[in-house]
PDB file of N, CA and C in Angstrom:
ATOM      1  N   MET A   1     -12.367  24.429 -16.903  1.00  0.00           N
ATOM      2  CA  MET A   1     -13.923  24.784 -17.404  1.00  0.00           C
ATOM      3  C   MET A   1     -15.164  24.112 -16.651  1.00  0.00           C
ATOM      4  N   PRO A   2     -15.852  24.973 -15.956  1.00  0.00           N
ATOM      5  CA  PRO A   2     -17.017  24.351 -15.046  1.00  0.00           C
ATOM      6  C   PRO A   2     -17.859  22.972 -15.391  1.00  0.00           C
ATOM      7  N   LEU A   3     -18.399  22.229 -14.978  1.00  0.00           N
ATOM      8  CA  LEU A   3     -19.249  21.405 -15.424  1.00  0.00           C
ATOM      9  C   LEU A   3     -20.796  21.806 -15.756  1.00  0.00           C
ATOM     10  N   SER A   4     -21.472  21.639 -16.712  1.00  0.00           N
ATOM     11  CA  SER A   4     -22.987  22.147 -16.934  1.00  0.00           C
ATOM     12  C   SER A   4     -23.603  21.652 -15.683  1.00  0.00           C
ATOM     13  N   GLU A   5     -24.771  21.894 -15.605  1.00  0.00           N
ATOM     14  CA  GLU A   5     -25.930  21.174 -14.632  1.00  0.00           C
ATOM     15  C   GLU A   5     -26.608  19.932 -14.954  1.00  0.00           C
ATOM     16  N   ASP A   6     -26.287  19.518 -16.036  1.00  0.00           N
ATOM     17  CA  ASP A   6     -26.584  17.919 -16.452  1.00  0.00           C
ATOM     18  C   ASP A   6     -25.641  17.012 -16.112  1.00  0.00           C
ATOM     19  N   GLU A   7     -23.963  17.743 -16.408  1.00  0.00           N
ATOM     20  CA  GLU A   7     -23.244  16.956 -16.131  1.00  0.00           C
ATOM     21  C   GLU A   7     -23.085  16.570 -14.592  1.00  0.00           C
ATOM     22  N   GLN A   8     -23.251  17.726 -13.382  1.00  0.00           N
ATOM     23  CA  GLN A   8     -23.152  18.034 -12.587  1.00  0.00           C
ATOM     24  C   GLN A   8     -24.445  16.606 -11.642  1.00  0.00           C
ATOM     25  N   ARG A   9     -25.524  16.656 -12.245  1.00  0.00           N
ATOM     26  CA  ARG A   9     -26.594  15.744 -11.634  1.00  0.00           C
ATOM     27  C   ARG A   9     -26.101  14.324 -12.288  1.00  0.00           C
ATOM     28  N   ILE A  10     -25.465  14.177 -13.198  1.00  0.00           N
ATOM     29  CA  ILE A  10     -25.049  13.163 -13.729  1.00  0.00           C
ATOM     30  C   ILE A  10     -24.416  12.403 -13.052  1.00  0.00           C
ATOM     31  N   LEU A  11     -23.186  13.198 -12.532  1.00  0.00           N
ATOM     32  CA  LEU A  11     -21.895  12.925 -11.667  1.00  0.00           C
ATOM     33  C   LEU A  11     -22.796  12.433 -10.222  1.00  0.00           C
ATOM     34  N   GLN A  12     -23.301  13.245  -9.675  1.00  0.00           N
ATOM     35  CA  GLN A  12     -24.223  12.726  -8.593  1.00  0.00           C
ATOM     36  C   GLN A  12     -25.201  11.810  -8.678  1.00  0.00           C
ATOM     37  N   GLU A  13     -25.571  11.102  -9.585  1.00  0.00           N
ATOM     38  CA  GLU A  13     -26.319  10.091  -9.234  1.00  0.00           C
ATOM     39  C   GLU A  13     -25.241   8.966  -9.893  1.00  0.00           C
ATOM     40  N   ILE A  14     -24.054   9.170 -10.443  1.00  0.00           N
ATOM     41  CA  ILE A  14     -22.963   8.042 -10.207  1.00  0.00           C
ATOM     42  C   ILE A  14     -22.760   7.677  -8.722  1.00  0.00           C
ATOM     43  N   GLU A  15     -22.350   8.830  -8.179  1.00  0.00           N
ATOM     44  CA  GLU A  15     -21.703   9.170  -6.745  1.00  0.00           C
ATOM     45  C   GLU A  15     -22.453   8.317  -5.646  1.00  0.00           C
ATOM     46  N   GLN A  16     -23.990   8.575  -6.054  1.00  0.00           N
ATOM     47  CA  GLN A  16     -24.829   8.018  -5.095  1.00  0.00           C
ATOM     48  C   GLN A  16     -25.283   6.415  -5.197  1.00  0.00           C
ATOM     49  N   GLN A  17     -25.007   6.207  -6.448  1.00  0.00           N
ATOM     50  CA  GLN A  17     -25.219   4.583  -7.005  1.00  0.00           C
ATOM     51  C   GLN A  17     -24.031   3.917  -6.349  1.00  0.00           C
ATOM     52  N   PHE A  18     -22.669   4.637  -6.369  1.00  0.00           N
ATOM     53  CA  PHE A  18     -21.425   3.991  -5.855  1.00  0.00           C
ATOM     54  C   PHE A  18     -21.658   3.691  -4.348  1.00  0.00           C
ATOM     55  N   TYR A  19     -22.261   4.756  -3.704  1.00  0.00           N
ATOM     56  CA  TYR A  19     -22.343   4.473  -2.316  1.00  0.00           C
ATOM     57  C   TYR A  19     -23.174   3.628  -1.697  1.00  0.00           C
ATOM     58  N   GLU A  20     -24.411   3.683  -2.484  1.00  0.00           N
ATOM     59  CA  GLU A  20     -25.706   2.643  -2.122  1.00  0.00           C
ATOM     60  C   GLU A  20     -25.171   1.001  -2.793  1.00  0.00           C
ATOM     61  N   HIS A  21     -24.348   0.902  -4.071  1.00  0.00           N
ATOM     62  CA  HIS A  21     -23.833  -0.500  -4.253  1.00  0.00           C
ATOM     63  C   HIS A  21     -22.804  -0.913  -3.125  1.00  0.00           C
ATOM     64  N   ASP A  22     -21.729  -0.345  -3.021  1.00  0.00           N
ATOM     65  CA  ASP A  22     -20.599  -0.842  -1.894  1.00  0.00           C
ATOM     66  C   ASP A  22     -19.935   0.351  -1.198  1.00  0.00           C
ATOM     67  N   PRO A  23     -20.930   0.192  -0.112  1.00  0.00           N
ATOM     68  CA  PRO A  23     -20.493   1.384   0.862  1.00  0.00           C
ATOM     69  C   PRO A  23     -19.202   1.213   1.566  1.00  0.00           C
ATOM     70  N   ALA A  24     -18.592  -0.065   1.578  1.00  0.00           N
ATOM     71  CA  ALA A  24     -17.542  -0.259   2.069  1.00  0.00           C
ATOM     72  C   ALA A  24     -16.485   0.024   1.520  1.00  0.00           C
ATOM     73  N   PHE A  25     -16.485  -0.252   0.288  1.00  0.00           N
ATOM     74  CA  PHE A  25     -15.501  -0.066  -0.735  1.00  0.00           C
ATOM     75  C   PHE A  25     -15.727   1.766  -0.938  1.00  0.00           C
ATOM     76  N   ALA A  26     -16.574   1.982  -0.823  1.00  0.00           N
ATOM     77  CA  ALA A  26     -16.454   3.553  -0.769  1.00  0.00           C
ATOM     78  C   ALA A  26     -15.927   4.099   0.517  1.00  0.00           C
ATOM     79  N   HIS A  27     -16.408   4.086   1.647  1.00  0.00           N
ATOM     80  CA  HIS A  27     -15.547   4.393   2.759  1.00  0.00           C
ATOM     81  C   HIS A  27     -13.964   4.127   2.601  1.00  0.00           C
ATOM     82  N   ASN A  28     -13.489   3.149   1.789  1.00  0.00           N
ATOM     83  CA  ASN A  28     -12.016   2.982   1.933  1.00  0.00           C
ATOM     84  C   ASN A  28     -11.079   3.596   0.535  1.00  0.00           C
ATOM     85  N   VAL A  29     -12.235   4.244  -0.013  1.00  0.00           N
ATOM     86  CA  VAL A  29     -11.576   4.804  -1.339  1.00  0.00           C
ATOM     87  C   VAL A  29     -11.522   6.319  -0.745  1.00  0.00           C
ATOM     88  N   GLY A  30     -12.222   6.908   0.129  1.00  0.00           N
ATOM     89  CA  GLY A  30     -12.577   8.145   0.492  1.00  0.00           C
ATOM     90  C   GLY A  30     -11.865   8.319   1.801  1.00  0.00           C
ATOM     91  N   SER A  31     -11.380   7.072   2.118  1.00  0.00           N
ATOM     92  CA  SER A  31     -10.249   7.494   3.689  1.00  0.00           C
ATOM     93  C   SER A  31      -8.780   7.248   3.191  1.00  0.00           C
ATOM     94  N   THR A  32      -8.502   6.678   1.980  1.00  0.00           N
ATOM     95  CA  THR A  32      -7.307   6.196   1.497  1.00  0.00           C
ATOM     96  C   THR A  32      -6.579   7.628   0.895  1.00  0.00           C
ATOM     97  N   THR A  33      -5.507   8.095   1.205  1.00  0.00           N
ATOM     98  CA  THR A  33      -4.832   9.418   0.831  1.00  0.00           C
ATOM     99  C   THR A  33      -3.575   8.499   0.052  1.00  0.00           C
ATOM    100  N   LEU A  34      -2.920   9.396  -0.881  1.00  0.00           N
ATOM    101  CA  LEU A  34      -1.600   9.392  -1.391  1.00  0.00           C
ATOM    102  C   LEU A  34      -0.509   9.122  -0.100  1.00  0.00           C
ATOM    103  N   TYR A  35      -0.567   9.756   0.977  1.00  0.00           N
ATOM    104  CA  TYR A  35       0.089   9.609   2.006  1.00  0.00           C
ATOM    105  C   TYR A  35       0.331   8.015   2.644  1.00  0.00           C
ATOM    106  N   ARG A  36      -1.016   7.860   2.880  1.00  0.00           N
ATOM    107  CA  ARG A  36      -1.404   6.567   3.675  1.00  0.00           C
ATOM    108  C   ARG A  36      -0.481   5.633   2.796  1.00  0.00           C
ATOM    109  N   HIS A  37      -0.796   5.558   1.386  1.00  0.00           N
ATOM    110  CA  HIS A  37      -0.391   4.685   0.539  1.00  0.00           C
ATOM    111  C   HIS A  37       0.684   4.534   0.197  1.00  0.00           C
ATOM    112  N   ALA A  38       1.660   5.456   0.275  1.00  0.00           N
ATOM    113  CA  ALA A  38       3.181   5.617   0.285  1.00  0.00           C
ATOM    114  C   ALA A  38       3.810   5.386   1.183  1.00  0.00           C
ATOM    115  N   GLY A  39       3.143   5.717   2.556  1.00  0.00           N
ATOM    116  CA  GLY A  39       3.647   5.209   3.954  1.00  0.00           C
ATOM    117  C   GLY A  39       3.496   3.682   4.149  1.00  0.00           C
ATOM    118  N   ARG A  40       2.412   3.281   3.510  1.00  0.00           N
ATOM    119  CA  ARG A  40       2.546   1.662   3.375  1.00  0.00           C
ATOM    120  C   ARG A  40       3.632   0.927   2.800  1.00  0.00           C
ATOM    121  N   ASN A  41       3.822   1.680   1.582  1.00  0.00           N
ATOM    122  CA  ASN A  41       4.903   1.045   0.623  1.00  0.00           C
ATOM    123  C   ASN A  41       6.328   1.518   1.292  1.00  0.00           C
ATOM    124  N   LEU A  42       6.233   2.607   2.134  1.00  0.00           N
ATOM    125  CA  LEU A  42       7.605   2.938   3.125  1.00  0.00           C
ATOM    126  C   LEU A  42       7.986   1.651   3.752  1.00  0.00           C
ATOM    127  N   LYS A  43       7.039   1.143   4.595  1.00  0.00           N
ATOM    128  CA  LYS A  43       7.287   0.414   5.422  1.00  0.00           C
ATOM    129  C   LYS A  43       7.287  -0.912   4.682  1.00  0.00           C
ATOM    130  N   TRP A  44       6.831  -1.531   3.470  1.00  0.00           N
ATOM    131  CA  TRP A  44       6.953  -3.072   3.172  1.00  0.00           C
ATOM    132  C   TRP A  44       8.503  -2.796   2.336  1.00  0.00           C
ATOM    133  N   ALA A  45       8.898  -1.290   2.174  1.00  0.00           N
ATOM    134  CA  ALA A  45      10.268  -1.376   1.227  1.00  0.00           C
ATOM    135  C   ALA A  45      10.996  -1.489   2.362  1.00  0.00           C
ATOM    136  N   ALA A  46      11.134  -1.024   3.356  1.00  0.00           N
ATOM    137  CA  ALA A  46      12.145  -1.323   4.720  1.00  0.00           C
ATOM    138  C   ALA A  46      11.957  -2.803   5.423  1.00  0.00           C
ATOM    139  N   LEU A  47      11.279  -3.253   5.318  1.00  0.00           N
ATOM    140  CA  LEU A  47      10.964  -4.702   5.606  1.00  0.00           C
ATOM    141  C   LEU A  47      11.445  -5.646   4.369  1.00  0.00           C
ATOM    142  N   GLY A  48      11.554  -5.040   3.450  1.00  0.00           N
ATOM    143  CA  GLY A  48      12.424  -5.999   2.216  1.00  0.00           C
ATOM    144  C   GLY A  48      13.507  -5.645   2.272  1.00  0.00           C
ATOM    145  N   PHE A  49      14.030  -4.493   2.612  1.00  0.00           N
ATOM    146  CA  PHE A  49      15.386  -4.227   2.956  1.00  0.00           C
ATOM    147  C   PHE A  49      16.238  -4.693   3.817  1.00  0.00           C
ATOM    148  N   LEU A  50      15.494  -4.984   4.997  1.00  0.00           N
ATOM    149  CA  LEU A  50      15.777  -5.496   5.925  1.00  0.00           C
ATOM    150  C   LEU A  50      16.142  -7.223   5.703  1.00  0.00           C
ATOM    151  N   THR A  51      15.075  -7.866   4.997  1.00  0.00           N
ATOM    152  CA  THR A  51      15.303  -9.265   4.566  1.00  0.00           C
ATOM    153  C   THR A  51      16.655  -9.541   3.853  1.00  0.00           C
ATOM    154  N   GLY A  52      16.364  -8.713   2.671  1.00  0.00           N
ATOM    155  CA  GLY A  52      17.517  -8.691   1.650  1.00  0.00           C
ATOM    156  C   GLY A  52      18.975  -8.702   2.176  1.00  0.00           C
ATOM    157  N   PHE A  53      18.851  -7.693   3.574  1.00  0.00           N
ATOM    158  CA  PHE A  53      20.312  -7.197   4.103  1.00  0.00           C
ATOM    159  C   PHE A  53      20.541  -8.442   5.093  1.00  0.00           C
ATOM    160  N   VAL A  54      19.497  -9.486   5.728  1.00  0.00           N
ATOM    161  CA  VAL A  54      19.642 -10.946   6.224  1.00  0.00           C
ATOM    162  C   VAL A  54      20.237 -11.924   5.013  1.00  0.00           C
ATOM    163  N   VAL A  55      19.656 -11.935   4.184  1.00  0.00           N
ATOM    164  CA  VAL A  55      19.928 -12.915   3.471  1.00  0.00           C
ATOM    165  C   VAL A  55      21.463 -12.854   2.908  1.00  0.00           C
ATOM    166  N   LEU A  56      22.084 -11.472   2.509  1.00  0.00           N
ATOM    167  CA  LEU A  56      23.547 -11.284   2.041  1.00  0.00           C
ATOM    168  C   LEU A  56      24.143 -11.596   3.045  1.00  0.00           C
ATOM    169  N   ILE A  57      23.914 -11.185   4.519  1.00  0.00           N
ATOM    170  CA  ILE A  57      24.800 -11.482   5.299  1.00  0.00           C
ATOM    171  C   ILE A  57      25.041 -12.971   5.876  1.00  0.00           C
ATOM    172  N   ALA A  58      23.868 -13.821   5.919  1.00  0.00           N
ATOM    173  CA  ALA A  58      24.092 -14.808   6.307  1.00  0.00           C
ATOM    174  C   ALA A  58      24.381 -15.968   5.371  1.00  0.00           C
ATOM    175  N   SER A  59      24.411 -15.716   3.945  1.00  0.00           N
ATOM    176  CA  SER A  59      24.729 -16.057   2.552  1.00  0.00           C
ATOM    177  C   SER A  59      25.930 -15.815   1.962  1.00  0.00           C
ATOM    178  N   PHE A  60      26.915 -14.886   1.838  1.00  0.00           N
ATOM    179  CA  PHE A  60      27.285 -14.290   1.130  1.00  0.00           C
ATOM    180  C   PHE A  60      28.506 -14.940   1.268  1.00  0.00           C
ATOM    181  N   ALA A  61      28.631 -15.865   2.420  1.00  0.00           N
ATOM    182  CA  ALA A  61      30.272 -16.500   2.893  1.00  0.00           C
ATOM    183  C   ALA A  61      30.154 -17.800   1.994  1.00  0.00           C
ATOM    184  N   SER A  62      28.949 -18.628   2.151  1.00  0.00           N
ATOM    185  CA  SER A  62      28.660 -19.673   1.589  1.00  0.00           C
ATOM    186  C   SER A  62      28.109 -19.807   0.118  1.00  0.00           C
ATOM    187  N   SER A  63      27.173 -18.825  -0.230  1.00  0.00           N
ATOM    188  CA  SER A  63      26.941 -18.956  -1.619  1.00  0.00           C
ATOM    189  C   SER A  63      27.155 -17.559  -2.589  1.00  0.00           C
ATOM    190  N   TRP A  64      27.619 -16.799  -3.211  1.00  0.00           N
ATOM    191  CA  TRP A  64      27.877 -15.381  -3.410  1.00  0.00           C
ATOM    192  C   TRP A  64      26.836 -15.277  -4.416  1.00  0.00           C
ATOM    193  N   VAL A  65      26.061 -16.309  -4.945  1.00  0.00           N
ATOM    194  CA  VAL A  65      24.915 -16.099  -5.773  1.00  0.00           C
ATOM    195  C   VAL A  65      23.606 -15.636  -5.137  1.00  0.00           C
ATOM    196  N   LEU A  66      23.641 -16.186  -3.873  1.00  0.00           N
ATOM    197  CA  LEU A  66      22.430 -15.666  -3.103  1.00  0.00           C
ATOM    198  C   LEU A  66      22.638 -14.375  -2.612  1.00  0.00           C
ATOM    199  N   GLY A  67      23.990 -14.194  -1.684  1.00  0.00           N
ATOM    200  CA  GLY A  67      24.703 -12.799  -1.714  1.00  0.00           C
ATOM    201  C   GLY A  67      24.207 -11.567  -2.472  1.00  0.00           C
ATOM    202  N   ILE A  68      24.551 -12.068  -3.721  1.00  0.00           N
ATOM    203  CA  ILE A  68      24.013 -11.064  -4.782  1.00  0.00           C
ATOM    204  C   ILE A  68      22.353 -10.538  -5.367  1.00  0.00           C
ATOM    205  N   ILE A  69      21.647 -11.916  -4.811  1.00  0.00           N
ATOM    206  CA  ILE A  69      20.503 -11.882  -4.843  1.00  0.00           C
ATOM    207  C   ILE A  69      19.786 -11.059  -3.523  1.00  0.00           C
ATOM    208  N   GLY A  70      20.350 -11.214  -2.412  1.00  0.00           N
ATOM    209  CA  GLY A  70      19.941 -10.227  -0.940  1.00  0.00           C
ATOM    210  C   GLY A  70      20.524  -8.786  -1.426  1.00  0.00           C
ATOM    211  N   PHE A  71      21.534  -8.581  -2.164  1.00  0.00           N
ATOM    212  CA  PHE A  71      21.968  -7.263  -2.616  1.00  0.00           C
ATOM    213  C   PHE A  71      21.001  -6.409  -3.697  1.00  0.00           C
ATOM    214  N   LEU A  72      20.564  -7.008  -4.203  1.00  0.00           N
ATOM    215  CA  LEU A  72      19.362  -6.595  -5.685  1.00  0.00           C
ATOM    216  C   LEU A  72      18.129  -6.587  -4.660  1.00  0.00           C
ATOM    217  N   VAL A  73      17.595  -7.683  -3.800  1.00  0.00           N
ATOM    218  CA  VAL A  73      16.534  -6.938  -2.941  1.00  0.00           C
ATOM    219  C   VAL A  73      16.831  -5.583  -2.357  1.00  0.00           C
ATOM    220  N   MET A  74      17.974  -5.853  -1.666  1.00  0.00           N
ATOM    221  CA  MET A  74      18.162  -4.600  -1.411  1.00  0.00           C
ATOM    222  C   MET A  74      17.925  -3.297  -1.923  1.00  0.00           C
ATOM    223  N   PHE A  75      18.912  -3.156  -3.342  1.00  0.00           N
ATOM    224  CA  PHE A  75      18.701  -2.325  -4.279  1.00  0.00           C
ATOM    225  C   PHE A  75      17.282  -2.304  -4.532  1.00  0.00           C
ATOM    226  N   GLY A  76      16.746  -2.939  -4.729  1.00  0.00           N
ATOM    227  CA  GLY A  76      15.087  -2.871  -5.351  1.00  0.00           C
ATOM    228  C   GLY A  76      14.295  -2.160  -4.387  1.00  0.00           C
ATOM    229  N   CYS A  77      14.447  -2.512  -3.251  1.00  0.00           N
ATOM    230  CA  CYS A  77      13.665  -1.607  -2.180  1.00  0.00           C
ATOM    231  C   CYS A  77      14.258  -0.430  -1.583  1.00  0.00           C
ATOM    232  N   ALA A  78      15.160  -0.062  -2.003  1.00  0.00           N
ATOM    233  CA  ALA A  78      15.977   0.815  -1.439  1.00  0.00           C
ATOM    234  C   ALA A  78      15.696   1.755  -2.610  1.00  0.00           C
ATOM    235  N   ALA A  79      15.182   1.356  -4.140  1.00  0.00           N
ATOM    236  CA  ALA A  79      14.753   2.102  -4.670  1.00  0.00           C
ATOM    237  C   ALA A  79      13.318   2.639  -4.840  1.00  0.00           C
ATOM    238  N   VAL A  80      12.554   1.533  -4.329  1.00  0.00           N
ATOM    239  CA  VAL A  80      11.041   1.701  -3.920  1.00  0.00           C
ATOM    240  C   VAL A  80      10.757   2.475  -2.782  1.00  0.00           C
ATOM    241  N   PHE A  81      11.837   2.539  -2.015  1.00  0.00           N
ATOM    242  CA  PHE A  81      11.368   3.552  -0.592  1.00  0.00           C
ATOM    243  C   PHE A  81      11.984   4.999  -1.578  1.00  0.00           C
ATOM    244  N   GLU A  82      12.589   5.101  -2.132  1.00  0.00           N
ATOM    245  CA  GLU A  82      13.221   6.674  -2.341  1.00  0.00           C
ATOM    246  C   GLU A  82      12.171   6.906  -3.413  1.00  0.00           C
ATOM    247  N   ARG A  83      11.265   5.926  -4.166  1.00  0.00           N
ATOM    248  CA  ARG A  83      10.222   7.076  -5.020  1.00  0.00           C
ATOM    249  C   ARG A  83       9.091   6.937  -4.187  1.00  0.00           C
ATOM    250  N   ASN A  84       8.755   6.401  -3.249  1.00  0.00           N
ATOM    251  CA  ASN A  84       7.467   6.331  -2.421  1.00  0.00           C
ATOM    252  C   ASN A  84       7.740   7.871  -1.444  1.00  0.00           C
ATOM    253  N   LEU A  85       8.959   7.688  -0.724  1.00  0.00           N
ATOM    254  CA  LEU A  85       9.295   8.886  -0.051  1.00  0.00           C
ATOM    255  C   LEU A  85       9.401  10.683  -1.373  1.00  0.00           C
ATOM    256  N   ARG A  86       9.619  10.350  -2.048  1.00  0.00           N
ATOM    257  CA  ARG A  86       9.290  11.640  -3.491  1.00  0.00           C
ATOM    258  C   ARG A  86       8.123  11.857  -3.431  1.00  0.00           C
ATOM    259  N   LYS A  87       7.050  10.822  -3.654  1.00  0.00           N
ATOM    260  CA  LYS A  87       5.821  10.998  -3.554  1.00  0.00           C
ATOM    261  C   LYS A  87       4.836  11.593  -2.722  1.00  0.00           C
ATOM    262  N   MET A  88       5.502  11.397  -1.364  1.00  0.00           N
ATOM    263  CA  MET A  88       4.842  11.966  -0.259  1.00  0.00           C
ATOM    264  C   MET A  88       5.345  12.972  -0.259  1.00  0.00           C
ATOM    265  N   GLY A  89       6.917  13.634  -0.436  1.00  0.00           N
ATOM    266  CA  GLY A  89       7.138  14.806  -0.369  1.00  0.00           C
ATOM    267  C   GLY A  89       7.468  15.503   1.017  1.00  0.00           C
ATOM    268  N   LYS A  90       7.694  16.590   1.565  1.00  0.00           N
ATOM    269  CA  LYS A  90       8.372  17.116   2.581  1.00  0.00           C
ATOM    270  C   LYS A  90       6.858  17.148   3.847  1.00  0.00           C
ATOM    271  N   ALA A  91       5.637  17.509   3.350  1.00  0.00           N
ATOM    272  CA  ALA A  91       4.831  17.843   3.787  1.00  0.00           C
ATOM    273  C   ALA A  91       3.946  16.261   4.163  1.00  0.00           C
ATOM    274  N   GLY A  92       3.970  15.453   2.997  1.00  0.00           N
ATOM    275  CA  GLY A  92       3.117  14.085   3.813  1.00  0.00           C
ATOM    276  C   GLY A  92       4.485  13.512   4.329  1.00  0.00           C
ATOM    277  N   TRP A  93       5.619  13.612   4.349  1.00  0.00           N
ATOM    278  CA  TRP A  93       6.265  12.870   5.678  1.00  0.00           C
ATOM    279  C   TRP A  93       6.452  13.574   6.821  1.00  0.00           C
ATOM    280  N   GLN A  94       5.886  14.595   6.758  1.00  0.00           N
ATOM    281  CA  GLN A  94       6.056  15.174   8.140  1.00  0.00           C
ATOM    282  C   GLN A  94       4.444  15.112   8.728  1.00  0.00           C
ATOM    283  N   GLN A  95       3.509  14.834   7.950  1.00  0.00           N
ATOM    284  CA  GLN A  95       2.377  14.204   8.356  1.00  0.00           C
ATOM    285  C   GLN A  95       2.634  12.414   8.882  1.00  0.00           C
ATOM    286  N   TRP A  96       3.241  12.061   8.019  1.00  0.00           N
ATOM    287  CA  TRP A  96       3.206  10.458   8.771  1.00  0.00           C
ATOM    288  C   TRP A  96       4.052  10.484   9.676  1.00  0.00           C
ATOM    289  N   THR A  97       4.837  11.267  10.135  1.00  0.00           N
ATOM    290  CA  THR A  97       5.686  10.873  11.099  1.00  0.00           C
ATOM    291  C   THR A  97       5.044  11.703  12.488  1.00  0.00           C
ATOM    292  N   SER A  98       4.308  12.728  12.160  1.00  0.00           N
ATOM    293  CA  SER A  98       3.418  13.306  13.454  1.00  0.00           C
ATOM    294  C   SER A  98       2.340  12.177  13.860  1.00  0.00           C
ATOM    295  N   SER A  99       1.723  11.661  12.519  1.00  0.00           N
ATOM    296  CA  SER A  99       0.932  10.909  13.825  1.00  0.00           C
ATOM    297  C   SER A  99       1.775   9.437  14.054  1.00  0.00           C
ATOM    298  N   TRP A 100       2.779   8.669  14.223  1.00  0.00           N
ATOM    299  CA  TRP A 100       3.673   7.904  15.081  1.00  0.00           C
ATOM    300  C   TRP A 100       3.981   8.999  16.273  1.00  0.00           C
ATOM    301  N   ARG A 101       4.492  10.201  16.274  1.00  0.00           N
ATOM    302  CA  ARG A 101       4.439  10.970  17.683  1.00  0.00           C
ATOM    303  C   ARG A 101       3.061  10.845  18.184  1.00  0.00           C
ATOM    304  N   GLY A 102       1.909  11.266  17.736  1.00  0.00           N
ATOM    305  CA  GLY A 102       0.730  11.331  18.475  1.00  0.00           C
ATOM    306  C   GLY A 102       0.233   9.962  18.976  1.00  0.00           C
ATOM    307  N   GLY A 103       0.816   9.182  18.941  1.00  0.00           N
ATOM    308  CA  GLY A 103       0.515   7.522  19.419  1.00  0.00           C
ATOM    309  C   GLY A 103      -0.282   6.731  18.762  1.00  0.00           C
ATOM    310  N   HIS A 104      -0.025   7.277  17.616  1.00  0.00           N
ATOM    311  CA  HIS A 104      -0.666   5.878  16.314  1.00  0.00           C
ATOM    312  C   HIS A 104       0.340   4.907  15.534  1.00  0.00           C
ATOM    313  N   PHE A 105       1.298   5.325  16.479  1.00  0.00           N
ATOM    314  CA  PHE A 105       2.642   3.941  16.202  1.00  0.00           C
ATOM    315  C   PHE A 105       2.045   2.714  16.432  1.00  0.00           C
ATOM    316  N   ARG A 106       1.771   2.467  17.334  1.00  0.00           N
ATOM    317  CA  ARG A 106       0.962   1.246  17.733  1.00  0.00           C
ATOM    318  C   ARG A 106      -0.056   0.541  16.816  1.00  0.00           C
ATOM    319  N   GLU A 107      -0.826   1.644  16.267  1.00  0.00           N
ATOM    320  CA  GLU A 107      -1.742   1.399  15.026  1.00  0.00           C
ATOM    321  C   GLU A 107      -1.128   0.694  14.016  1.00  0.00           C
ATOM    322  N   SER A 108       0.123   1.563  13.810  1.00  0.00           N
ATOM    323  CA  SER A 108       0.561   1.463  12.429  1.00  0.00           C
ATOM    324  C   SER A 108       1.129  -0.220  12.841  1.00  0.00           C
ATOM    325  N   PHE A 109       1.979  -0.577  13.420  1.00  0.00           N
ATOM    326  CA  PHE A 109       3.035  -1.746  13.225  1.00  0.00           C
ATOM    327  C   PHE A 109       2.200  -2.952  14.347  1.00  0.00           C
ATOM    328  N   GLY A 110       0.737  -2.535  14.868  1.00  0.00           N
ATOM    329  CA  GLY A 110       0.196  -3.430  15.582  1.00  0.00           C
ATOM    330  C   GLY A 110       0.392  -3.376  17.137  1.00  0.00           C
ATOM    331  N   ASP A 111      -0.518  -4.110  17.988  1.00  0.00           N
ATOM    332  CA  ASP A 111      -0.076  -3.865  19.417  1.00  0.00           C
ATOM    333  C   ASP A 111       0.628  -5.032  19.962  1.00  0.00           C
ATOM    334  N   ALA A 112       1.694  -5.348  19.001  1.00  0.00           N
ATOM    335  CA  ALA A 112       2.268  -6.768  19.719  1.00  0.00           C
ATOM    336  C   ALA A 112       3.141  -7.047  20.844  1.00  0.00           C
ATOM    337  N   GLY A 113       3.621  -5.563  21.396  1.00  0.00           N
ATOM    338  CA  GLY A 113       4.119  -5.626  22.690  1.00  0.00           C
ATOM    339  C   GLY A 113       3.330  -5.455  23.743  1.00  0.00           C
ATOM    340  N   ARG A 114       1.733  -5.056  23.865  1.00  0.00           N
ATOM    341  CA  ARG A 114       0.757  -4.880  24.514  1.00  0.00           C
ATOM    342  C   ARG A 114       0.621  -6.863  24.735  1.00  0.00           C
ATOM    343  N   LYS A 115       0.582  -7.404  23.698  1.00  0.00           N
ATOM    344  CA  LYS A 115       0.146  -8.900  23.647  1.00  0.00           C
ATOM    345  C   LYS A 115       1.427  -9.723  24.121  1.00  0.00           C
ATOM    346  N   PHE A 116       2.538  -9.404  24.005  1.00  0.00           N
ATOM    347  CA  PHE A 116       3.976 -10.078  24.338  1.00  0.00           C
ATOM    348  C   PHE A 116       3.787 -10.024  26.270  1.00  0.00           C
ATOM    349  N   ARG A 117       3.396  -8.751  26.423  1.00  0.00           N
ATOM    350  CA  ARG A 117       3.461  -8.658  28.182  1.00  0.00           C
ATOM    351  C   ARG A 117       2.247  -8.797  28.781  1.00  0.00           C
ATOM    352  N   ASP A 118       1.266  -9.279  28.226  1.00  0.00           N
ATOM    353  CA  ASP A 118       0.294 -10.319  28.361  1.00  0.00           C
ATOM    354  C   ASP A 118       0.380 -11.245  28.894  1.00  0.00           C
ATOM    355  N   ARG A 119       1.014 -12.229  27.710  1.00  0.00           N
ATOM    356  CA  ARG A 119       1.386 -13.553  27.487  1.00  0.00           C
ATOM    357  C   ARG A 119       2.219 -13.746  29.015  1.00  0.00           C
ATOM    358  N   PHE A 120       3.492 -12.839  28.766  1.00  0.00           N
ATOM    359  CA  PHE A 120       4.354 -13.292  29.800  1.00  0.00           C
ATOM    360  C   PHE A 120       3.538 -12.895  31.485  1.00  0.00           C
ATOM    361  N   ARG A 121       2.630 -12.208  31.188  1.00  0.00           N
ATOM    362  CA  ARG A 121       1.948 -11.876  32.970  1.00  0.00           C
ATOM    363  C   ARG A 121       1.397 -13.390  32.858  1.00  0.00           C
ATOM    364  N   ARG A 122       0.599 -13.877  32.036  1.00  0.00           N
ATOM    365  CA  ARG A 122      -0.340 -15.241  32.239  1.00  0.00           C
ATOM    366  C   ARG A 122       0.741 -16.239  32.687  1.00  0.00           C
ATOM    367  N   ASP A 123       2.075 -16.402  32.203  1.00  0.00           N
ATOM    368  CA  ASP A 123       3.027 -17.837  32.611  1.00  0.00           C
ATOM    369  C   ASP A 123       3.594 -17.239  33.723  1.00  0.00           C
ATOM    370  N   SER A 124       3.483 -16.253  34.052  1.00  0.00           N
ATOM    371  CA  SER A 124       4.251 -15.859  35.578  1.00  0.00           C
ATOM    372  C   SER A 124       3.581 -16.551  36.591  1.00  0.00           C
TER     373      SER A 124
END
């Protein structure tokens, strides 16, 4: 059911006040998509999985409790990864990985390689 003219006017006024009151937040809300949010969660879940794996391998021989904690962290991160991958769907996954192929991979993870090379050149 379409909105009436009064409802559309009220909605436009609210939107205008929103942009005037906090333009940075309005821009952030406008630019964030489900794919970007799920992609960010995928990165954190992968990092958590690797951390859990390191804890599992490093501590399982000496403390089985820490090994189990590492396994539970891995399991939880794998569940979060799977849930966010389902949210993205095939189209979102293709869009997210195509941005990596398009040269935005450095923007996703920072430009640490360039900083390392510059530091190495200065030290030489």
